[in-house]
C-alpha atoms as a PDB file:
ATOM      1  CA  MET A   1       3.125  14.553 -19.230  1.00  0.00           C
ATOM      2  CA  LEU A   2       1.788  11.205 -19.151  1.00  0.00           C
ATOM      3  CA  ALA A   3       5.096   9.894 -18.861  1.00  0.00           C
ATOM      4  CA  THR A   4       5.619  11.638 -15.410  1.00  0.00           C
ATOM      5  CA  ALA A   5       2.387  10.653 -14.089  1.00  0.00           C
ATOM      6  CA  VAL A   6       3.279   6.842 -14.859  1.00  0.00           C
ATOM      7  CA  ARG A   7       6.615   7.507 -12.931  1.00  0.00           C
ATOM      8  CA  ARG A   8       5.124   9.068  -9.964  1.00  0.00           C
ATOM      9  CA  TRP A   9       2.645   6.018  -9.836  1.00  0.00           C
ATOM     10  CA  ALA A  10       5.534   3.392  -9.993  1.00  0.00           C
ATOM     11  CA  VAL A  11       7.421   5.331  -7.310  1.00  0.00           C
ATOM     12  CA  LEU A  12       4.411   5.354  -5.031  1.00  0.00           C
ATOM     13  CA  ALA A  13       3.582   1.709  -5.988  1.00  0.00           C
ATOM     14  CA  VAL A  14       6.983   0.540  -4.508  1.00  0.00           C
ATOM     15  CA  ALA A  15       7.611   3.207  -1.930  1.00  0.00           C
ATOM     16  CA  LEU A  16       4.296   2.919   0.068  1.00  0.00           C
ATOM     17  CA  PRO A  17       4.502  -0.742   0.537  1.00  0.00           C
ATOM     18  CA  LEU A  18       8.231  -0.668   1.582  1.00  0.00           C
ATOM     19  CA  ALA A  19       7.235   2.255   4.115  1.00  0.00           C
ATOM     20  CA  ALA A  20       4.626   0.013   5.589  1.00  0.00           C
ATOM     21  CA  ALA A  21       7.078  -3.122   5.846  1.00  0.00           C
ATOM     22  CA  GLY A  22       9.720  -0.695   7.549  1.00  0.00           C
ATOM     23  CA  ILE A  23       6.940   0.673   9.912  1.00  0.00           C
ATOM     24  CA  ARG A  24       5.958  -3.022  10.884  1.00  0.00           C
ATOM     25  CA  LYS A  25       9.624  -3.840  11.587  1.00  0.00           C
ATOM     26  CA  VAL A  26      10.225  -1.031  13.700  1.00  0.00           C
ATOM     27  CA  THR A  27       6.916  -1.611  15.797  1.00  0.00           C
ATOM     28  CA  GLN A  28       8.155  -5.279  16.167  1.00  0.00           C
ATOM     29  CA  VAL A  29      11.338  -4.193  17.563  1.00  0.00           C
ATOM     30  CA  VAL A  30       9.689  -1.646  19.950  1.00  0.00           C
ATOM     31  CA  GLU A  31       6.994  -4.157  21.138  1.00  0.00           C
ATOM     32  CA  ALA A  32       9.792  -6.714  21.653  1.00  0.00           C
ATOM     33  CA  ARG A  33      11.620  -4.429  23.918  1.00  0.00           C
ATOM     34  CA  ARG A  34       9.380  -2.337  25.740  1.00  0.00           C
ATOM     35  CA  GLY A  35       5.903  -4.256  25.128  1.00  0.00           C
ATOM     36  CA  SER A  36       2.655  -2.989  23.231  1.00  0.00           C
ATOM     37  CA  SER A  37       1.592   0.471  23.842  1.00  0.00           C
ATOM     38  CA  GLY A  38      -0.723   3.163  22.234  1.00  0.00           C
ATOM     39  CA  LEU A  39       2.022   4.457  19.852  1.00  0.00           C
ATOM     40  CA  THR A  40       3.019   0.855  18.566  1.00  0.00           C
ATOM     41  CA  ARG A  41      -0.678   0.333  18.136  1.00  0.00           C
ATOM     42  CA  SER A  42      -0.955   3.332  15.954  1.00  0.00           C
ATOM     43  CA  MET A  43       2.032   2.528  13.857  1.00  0.00           C
ATOM     44  CA  ARG A  44       0.570  -0.624  13.145  1.00  0.00           C
ATOM     45  CA  GLN A  45      -2.632   0.700  12.069  1.00  0.00           C
ATOM     46  CA  VAL A  46      -0.797   3.347   9.753  1.00  0.00           C
ATOM     47  CA  ALA A  47       1.378   0.414   8.360  1.00  0.00           C
ATOM     48  CA  ASP A  48      -1.806  -1.231   7.582  1.00  0.00           C
ATOM     49  CA  LEU A  49      -3.629   1.719   6.188  1.00  0.00           C
ATOM     50  CA  LEU A  50      -0.121   2.151   3.851  1.00  0.00           C
ATOM     51  CA  GLY A  51       0.442  -1.292   2.842  1.00  0.00           C
ATOM     52  CA  SER A  52      -3.346  -2.138   1.824  1.00  0.00           C
ATOM     53  CA  GLY A  53      -4.088   1.005   0.100  1.00  0.00           C
ATOM     54  CA  ARG A  54      -7.291   0.788   0.466  1.00  0.00           C
ATOM     55  CA  LYS A  55     -10.255  -0.067   2.936  1.00  0.00           C
ATOM     56  CA  ARG A  56     -11.309  -3.593   3.037  1.00  0.00           C
ATOM     57  CA  ARG A  57     -14.891  -4.301   2.782  1.00  0.00           C
ATOM     58  CA  ARG A  58     -16.962  -6.316   5.301  1.00  0.00           C
ATOM     59  CA  ARG A  59     -19.022  -8.944   4.000  1.00  0.00           C
ATOM     60  CA  PHE A  60     -22.298  -9.107   5.883  1.00  0.00           C
ATOM     61  CA  PHE A  61     -23.453 -12.457   4.660  1.00  0.00           C
END
């Protein structure tokens, strides 16, 4: 059971950043052809969410 959990974590640790990179590449291609749009901005936000894996904290000082 532990091996299954570790295997699942390892796949996600590799798959999510790769998916984020793929979405960013598609976004760049679409923006180069058609310009920025709501869809491409949303795709970029999703890629940032997938790539970072966690929210970044703001520093107030």
